PDB file of all heavy atoms in Angstrom:
ATOM      1  N   LEU A   1      -8.502   2.780 -17.742  1.00  0.00           N
ATOM      2  CA  LEU A   1      -7.036   2.193 -17.657  1.00  0.00           C
ATOM      3  C   LEU A   1      -6.608   2.536 -16.293  1.00  0.00           C
ATOM      4  O   LEU A   1      -7.024   3.264 -15.498  1.00  0.00           O
ATOM      5  CB  LEU A   1      -6.147   2.884 -18.578  1.00  0.00           C
ATOM      6  CG  LEU A   1      -6.717   3.417 -19.905  1.00  0.00           C
ATOM      7  CD1 LEU A   1      -5.821   4.478 -20.464  1.00  0.00           C
ATOM      8  CD2 LEU A   1      -6.845   2.295 -20.846  1.00  0.00           C
ATOM      9  N   LEU A   2      -5.390   1.972 -16.184  1.00  0.00           N
ATOM     10  CA  LEU A   2      -4.582   2.321 -14.930  1.00  0.00           C
ATOM     11  C   LEU A   2      -5.335   2.620 -13.719  1.00  0.00           C
ATOM     12  O   LEU A   2      -5.265   3.676 -13.170  1.00  0.00           O
ATOM     13  CB  LEU A   2      -3.752   3.482 -15.162  1.00  0.00           C
ATOM     14  CG  LEU A   2      -2.332   3.042 -15.577  1.00  0.00           C
ATOM     15  CD1 LEU A   2      -2.300   2.568 -17.003  1.00  0.00           C
ATOM     16  CD2 LEU A   2      -1.380   4.061 -15.322  1.00  0.00           C
ATOM     17  N   ARG A   3      -6.122   1.595 -13.268  1.00  0.00           N
ATOM     18  CA  ARG A   3      -6.957   1.976 -11.995  1.00  0.00           C
ATOM     19  C   ARG A   3      -6.045   1.563 -10.882  1.00  0.00           C
ATOM     20  O   ARG A   3      -5.984   0.371 -10.594  1.00  0.00           O
ATOM     21  CB  ARG A   3      -8.256   1.111 -12.171  1.00  0.00           C
ATOM     22  CG  ARG A   3      -9.353   1.933 -12.751  1.00  0.00           C
ATOM     23  CD  ARG A   3      -9.019   3.303 -12.363  1.00  0.00           C
ATOM     24  NE  ARG A   3      -9.057   4.359 -13.085  1.00  0.00           N
ATOM     25  CZ  ARG A   3     -10.032   4.820 -13.762  1.00  0.00           C
ATOM     26  NH1 ARG A   3     -11.091   4.161 -14.006  1.00  0.00           N
ATOM     27  NH2 ARG A   3      -9.940   5.986 -14.312  1.00  0.00           N
ATOM     28  N   ALA A   4      -5.469   2.450 -10.296  1.00  0.00           N
ATOM     29  CA  ALA A   4      -4.536   2.133  -9.154  1.00  0.00           C
ATOM     30  C   ALA A   4      -5.164   2.514  -7.870  1.00  0.00           C
ATOM     31  O   ALA A   4      -5.704   3.503  -7.758  1.00  0.00           O
ATOM     32  CB  ALA A   4      -3.333   3.023  -9.334  1.00  0.00           C
ATOM     33  N   ALA A   5      -5.169   1.549  -6.967  1.00  0.00           N
ATOM     34  CA  ALA A   5      -5.817   1.703  -5.668  1.00  0.00           C
ATOM     35  C   ALA A   5      -4.907   2.335  -4.649  1.00  0.00           C
ATOM     36  O   ALA A   5      -3.844   1.925  -4.631  1.00  0.00           O
ATOM     37  CB  ALA A   5      -6.295   0.422  -5.271  1.00  0.00           C
ATOM     38  N   ILE A   6      -5.507   3.309  -3.877  1.00  0.00           N
ATOM     39  CA  ILE A   6      -4.697   3.854  -2.797  1.00  0.00           C
ATOM     40  C   ILE A   6      -5.630   4.024  -1.596  1.00  0.00           C
ATOM     41  O   ILE A   6      -6.546   4.742  -1.732  1.00  0.00           O
ATOM     42  CB  ILE A   6      -4.110   5.136  -3.279  1.00  0.00           C
ATOM     43  CG1 ILE A   6      -3.414   4.829  -4.535  1.00  0.00           C
ATOM     44  CG2 ILE A   6      -3.308   5.671  -2.128  1.00  0.00           C
ATOM     45  CD1 ILE A   6      -2.194   5.489  -4.769  1.00  0.00           C
ATOM     46  N   ALA A   7      -5.353   3.297  -0.544  1.00  0.00           N
ATOM     47  CA  ALA A   7      -6.326   3.454   0.578  1.00  0.00           C
ATOM     48  C   ALA A   7      -5.933   3.917   1.896  1.00  0.00           C
ATOM     49  O   ALA A   7      -4.769   3.760   2.208  1.00  0.00           O
ATOM     50  CB  ALA A   7      -6.829   1.989   0.706  1.00  0.00           C
ATOM     51  N   VAL A   8      -6.853   4.483   2.486  1.00  0.00           N
ATOM     52  CA  VAL A   8      -6.582   5.026   3.940  1.00  0.00           C
ATOM     53  C   VAL A   8      -7.929   5.218   4.563  1.00  0.00           C
ATOM     54  O   VAL A   8      -8.966   5.245   3.860  1.00  0.00           O
ATOM     55  CB  VAL A   8      -5.831   6.345   3.877  1.00  0.00           C
ATOM     56  CG1 VAL A   8      -5.424   6.794   5.275  1.00  0.00           C
ATOM     57  CG2 VAL A   8      -4.670   6.300   3.034  1.00  0.00           C
ATOM     58  N   PRO A   9      -7.991   5.313   5.877  1.00  0.00           N
ATOM     59  CA  PRO A   9      -9.274   5.492   6.417  1.00  0.00           C
ATOM     60  C   PRO A   9      -9.812   6.754   6.104  1.00  0.00           C
ATOM     61  O   PRO A   9      -9.426   7.541   5.453  1.00  0.00           O
ATOM     62  CB  PRO A   9      -8.940   5.454   7.933  1.00  0.00           C
ATOM     63  CG  PRO A   9      -7.504   4.825   8.103  1.00  0.00           C
ATOM     64  CD  PRO A   9      -6.983   4.971   6.766  1.00  0.00           C
ATOM     65  N   ALA A  10     -11.127   7.059   6.716  1.00  0.00           N
ATOM     66  CA  ALA A  10     -11.860   8.249   6.280  1.00  0.00           C
ATOM     67  C   ALA A  10     -11.218   9.591   6.686  1.00  0.00           C
ATOM     68  O   ALA A  10     -11.747  10.617   6.405  1.00  0.00           O
ATOM     69  CB  ALA A  10     -13.216   8.097   6.777  1.00  0.00           C
ATOM     70  N   VAL A  11     -10.024   9.495   7.413  1.00  0.00           N
ATOM     71  CA  VAL A  11      -9.420  10.700   7.781  1.00  0.00           C
ATOM     72  C   VAL A  11      -7.953  10.580   7.360  1.00  0.00           C
ATOM     73  O   VAL A  11      -7.375   9.440   7.252  1.00  0.00           O
ATOM     74  CB  VAL A  11      -9.447  10.932   9.286  1.00  0.00           C
ATOM     75  CG1 VAL A  11     -10.877  11.297   9.648  1.00  0.00           C
ATOM     76  CG2 VAL A  11      -8.959   9.875  10.073  1.00  0.00           C
ATOM     77  N   PRO A  12      -7.180  11.736   7.187  1.00  0.00           N
ATOM     78  CA  PRO A  12      -5.749  11.572   6.793  1.00  0.00           C
ATOM     79  C   PRO A  12      -5.027  10.930   7.870  1.00  0.00           C
ATOM     80  O   PRO A  12      -5.234  11.041   9.083  1.00  0.00           O
ATOM     81  CB  PRO A  12      -5.358  13.028   6.634  1.00  0.00           C
ATOM     82  CG  PRO A  12      -6.614  13.713   6.512  1.00  0.00           C
ATOM     83  CD  PRO A  12      -7.657  13.047   7.233  1.00  0.00           C
ATOM     84  N   LEU A  13      -4.177   9.955   7.379  1.00  0.00           N
ATOM     85  CA  LEU A  13      -3.425   9.279   8.499  1.00  0.00           C
ATOM     86  C   LEU A  13      -2.096   8.930   7.872  1.00  0.00           C
ATOM     87  O   LEU A  13      -1.832   8.938   6.633  1.00  0.00           O
ATOM     88  CB  LEU A  13      -4.061   8.078   8.919  1.00  0.00           C
ATOM     89  CG  LEU A  13      -4.467   6.952   7.904  1.00  0.00           C
ATOM     90  CD1 LEU A  13      -3.451   5.887   7.929  1.00  0.00           C
ATOM     91  CD2 LEU A  13      -5.856   6.495   8.179  1.00  0.00           C
ATOM     92  N   ALA A  14      -1.083   8.584   8.711  1.00  0.00           N
ATOM     93  CA  ALA A  14       0.204   8.185   8.372  1.00  0.00           C
ATOM     94  C   ALA A  14       0.192   6.808   7.612  1.00  0.00           C
ATOM     95  O   ALA A  14      -0.644   5.990   8.022  1.00  0.00           O
ATOM     96  CB  ALA A  14       1.203   8.313   9.561  1.00  0.00           C
ATOM     97  N   VAL A  15       1.159   6.606   6.823  1.00  0.00           N
ATOM     98  CA  VAL A  15       1.178   5.245   6.153  1.00  0.00           C
ATOM     99  C   VAL A  15       1.423   4.150   7.193  1.00  0.00           C
ATOM    100  O   VAL A  15       0.781   3.082   7.095  1.00  0.00           O
ATOM    101  CB  VAL A  15       2.355   5.293   5.187  1.00  0.00           C
ATOM    102  CG1 VAL A  15       2.507   3.859   4.563  1.00  0.00           C
ATOM    103  CG2 VAL A  15       2.083   6.285   3.980  1.00  0.00           C
ATOM    104  N   GLY A  16       2.113   4.445   8.181  1.00  0.00           N
ATOM    105  CA  GLY A  16       2.448   3.454   9.126  1.00  0.00           C
ATOM    106  C   GLY A  16       1.240   2.996   9.926  1.00  0.00           C
ATOM    107  O   GLY A  16       1.308   2.077  10.725  1.00  0.00           O
ATOM    108  N   ALA A  17       0.002   3.581   9.774  1.00  0.00           N
ATOM    109  CA  ALA A  17      -1.043   3.167  10.570  1.00  0.00           C
ATOM    110  C   ALA A  17      -1.716   1.913  10.112  1.00  0.00           C
ATOM    111  O   ALA A  17      -2.596   1.320  10.668  1.00  0.00           O
ATOM    112  CB  ALA A  17      -2.074   4.280  10.396  1.00  0.00           C
ATOM    113  N   PHE A  18      -1.175   1.375   8.983  1.00  0.00           N
ATOM    114  CA  PHE A  18      -1.691   0.055   8.424  1.00  0.00           C
ATOM    115  C   PHE A  18      -0.587  -1.022   8.530  1.00  0.00           C
ATOM    116  O   PHE A  18       0.582  -0.795   8.487  1.00  0.00           O
ATOM    117  CB  PHE A  18      -2.138   0.181   7.041  1.00  0.00           C
ATOM    118  CG  PHE A  18      -3.415   0.967   6.842  1.00  0.00           C
ATOM    119  CD1 PHE A  18      -3.338   2.422   6.637  1.00  0.00           C
ATOM    120  CD2 PHE A  18      -4.527   0.388   7.086  1.00  0.00           C
ATOM    121  CE1 PHE A  18      -4.455   3.220   6.505  1.00  0.00           C
ATOM    122  CE2 PHE A  18      -5.821   1.140   6.939  1.00  0.00           C
ATOM    123  CZ  PHE A  18      -5.745   2.401   6.713  1.00  0.00           C
ATOM    124  N   ASP A  19      -1.076  -2.237   8.578  1.00  0.00           N
ATOM    125  CA  ASP A  19      -0.222  -3.434   8.495  1.00  0.00           C
ATOM    126  C   ASP A  19       0.186  -3.644   7.029  1.00  0.00           C
ATOM    127  O   ASP A  19      -0.652  -3.900   6.139  1.00  0.00           O
ATOM    128  CB  ASP A  19      -1.043  -4.646   8.972  1.00  0.00           C
ATOM    129  CG  ASP A  19      -0.159  -5.885   8.841  1.00  0.00           C
ATOM    130  OD1 ASP A  19       1.037  -5.734   8.471  1.00  0.00           O
ATOM    131  OD2 ASP A  19      -0.666  -6.994   9.130  1.00  0.00           O
ATOM    132  N   VAL A  20       1.398  -3.182   6.701  1.00  0.00           N
ATOM    133  CA  VAL A  20       1.903  -3.294   5.325  1.00  0.00           C
ATOM    134  C   VAL A  20       3.142  -4.169   5.164  1.00  0.00           C
ATOM    135  O   VAL A  20       4.150  -3.678   4.651  1.00  0.00           O
ATOM    136  CB  VAL A  20       2.224  -1.782   4.780  1.00  0.00           C
ATOM    137  CG1 VAL A  20       0.800  -1.140   4.643  1.00  0.00           C
ATOM    138  CG2 VAL A  20       3.062  -1.090   5.668  1.00  0.00           C
ATOM    139  N   ALA A  21       3.066  -5.214   5.751  1.00  0.00           N
ATOM    140  CA  ALA A  21       4.205  -6.216   5.755  1.00  0.00           C
ATOM    141  C   ALA A  21       4.635  -6.416   4.302  1.00  0.00           C
ATOM    142  O   ALA A  21       3.755  -6.825   3.384  1.00  0.00           O
ATOM    143  CB  ALA A  21       3.832  -7.498   6.475  1.00  0.00           C
ATOM    144  N   PRO A  22       5.939  -6.151   3.983  1.00  0.00           N
ATOM    145  CA  PRO A  22       6.242  -6.285   2.594  1.00  0.00           C
ATOM    146  C   PRO A  22       6.148  -7.668   1.970  1.00  0.00           C
ATOM    147  O   PRO A  22       6.484  -8.674   2.751  1.00  0.00           O
ATOM    148  CB  PRO A  22       7.704  -5.751   2.530  1.00  0.00           C
ATOM    149  CG  PRO A  22       8.117  -6.020   3.949  1.00  0.00           C
ATOM    150  CD  PRO A  22       6.964  -5.790   4.855  1.00  0.00           C
ATOM    151  N   ALA A  23       5.751  -7.856   0.768  1.00  0.00           N
ATOM    152  CA  ALA A  23       5.741  -9.135   0.194  1.00  0.00           C
ATOM    153  C   ALA A  23       6.938  -9.216  -0.755  1.00  0.00           C
ATOM    154  O   ALA A  23       7.076  -8.611  -1.743  1.00  0.00           O
ATOM    155  CB  ALA A  23       4.436  -9.280  -0.677  1.00  0.00           C
ATOM    156  N   ALA A  24       7.914 -10.010  -0.297  1.00  0.00           N
ATOM    157  CA  ALA A  24       9.171 -10.037  -0.914  1.00  0.00           C
ATOM    158  C   ALA A  24       9.103 -10.400  -2.377  1.00  0.00           C
ATOM    159  O   ALA A  24       9.732  -9.809  -3.286  1.00  0.00           O
ATOM    160  CB  ALA A  24      10.143 -10.950  -0.227  1.00  0.00           C
ATOM    161  N   ALA A  25       8.271 -11.304  -2.713  1.00  0.00           N
ATOM    162  CA  ALA A  25       8.158 -11.743  -4.113  1.00  0.00           C
ATOM    163  C   ALA A  25       7.605 -10.719  -4.962  1.00  0.00           C
ATOM    164  O   ALA A  25       7.947 -10.777  -6.234  1.00  0.00           O
ATOM    165  CB  ALA A  25       7.294 -13.001  -4.163  1.00  0.00           C
ATOM    166  N   SER A  26       6.752  -9.875  -4.521  1.00  0.00           N
ATOM    167  CA  SER A  26       6.142  -8.887  -5.294  1.00  0.00           C
ATOM    168  C   SER A  26       7.137  -7.819  -5.947  1.00  0.00           C
ATOM    169  O   SER A  26       6.881  -7.159  -6.850  1.00  0.00           O
ATOM    170  CB  SER A  26       4.990  -8.146  -4.617  1.00  0.00           C
ATOM    171  OG  SER A  26       5.622  -7.291  -3.543  1.00  0.00           O
ATOM    172  N   SER A  27       8.253  -7.616  -5.267  1.00  0.00           N
ATOM    173  CA  SER A  27       9.204  -6.632  -5.746  1.00  0.00           C
ATOM    174  C   SER A  27      10.472  -7.097  -6.220  1.00  0.00           C
ATOM    175  O   SER A  27      11.379  -6.507  -6.557  1.00  0.00           O
ATOM    176  CB  SER A  27       9.443  -5.672  -4.542  1.00  0.00           C
ATOM    177  OG  SER A  27      10.099  -6.327  -3.459  1.00  0.00           O
ATOM    178  N   ALA A  28      10.536  -8.528  -6.223  1.00  0.00           N
ATOM    179  CA  ALA A  28      11.891  -9.149  -6.530  1.00  0.00           C
ATOM    180  C   ALA A  28      12.294  -8.815  -8.018  1.00  0.00           C
ATOM    181  O   ALA A  28      13.576  -8.733  -8.196  1.00  0.00           O
ATOM    182  CB  ALA A  28      11.771 -10.628  -6.410  1.00  0.00           C
ATOM    183  N   LYS A  29      11.444  -8.650  -8.942  1.00  0.00           N
ATOM    184  CA  LYS A  29      11.864  -8.435 -10.257  1.00  0.00           C
ATOM    185  C   LYS A  29      11.468  -7.016 -10.705  1.00  0.00           C
ATOM    186  O   LYS A  29      11.567  -6.778 -11.922  1.00  0.00           O
ATOM    187  CB  LYS A  29      11.109  -9.410 -11.235  1.00  0.00           C
ATOM    188  CG  LYS A  29      11.556 -10.846 -10.889  1.00  0.00           C
ATOM    189  CD  LYS A  29      10.853 -11.861 -11.960  1.00  0.00           C
ATOM    190  CE  LYS A  29      11.326 -13.283 -11.682  1.00  0.00           C
ATOM    191  NZ  LYS A  29      10.692 -14.283 -12.608  1.00  0.00           N
ATOM    192  N   PHE A  30      11.239  -6.145  -9.796  1.00  0.00           N
ATOM    193  CA  PHE A  30      10.863  -4.812 -10.241  1.00  0.00           C
ATOM    194  C   PHE A  30      11.872  -3.819  -9.793  1.00  0.00           C
ATOM    195  O   PHE A  30      12.256  -3.841  -8.612  1.00  0.00           O
ATOM    196  CB  PHE A  30       9.509  -4.431  -9.622  1.00  0.00           C
ATOM    197  CG  PHE A  30       9.102  -2.982  -9.932  1.00  0.00           C
ATOM    198  CD1 PHE A  30       8.776  -2.538 -11.198  1.00  0.00           C
ATOM    199  CD2 PHE A  30       9.080  -2.034  -8.832  1.00  0.00           C
ATOM    200  CE1 PHE A  30       8.495  -1.204 -11.523  1.00  0.00           C
ATOM    201  CE2 PHE A  30       8.711  -0.759  -9.114  1.00  0.00           C
ATOM    202  CZ  PHE A  30       8.445  -0.251 -10.371  1.00  0.00           C
TER     203      PHE A  30
END
């Protein structure tokens, strides 16, 4: 169940190191 994915490179890094442009539609109803 609940297989939630969470990704980062092979070393610890800040969240901002990735392109995470928000998808407006994905959060509109949550």
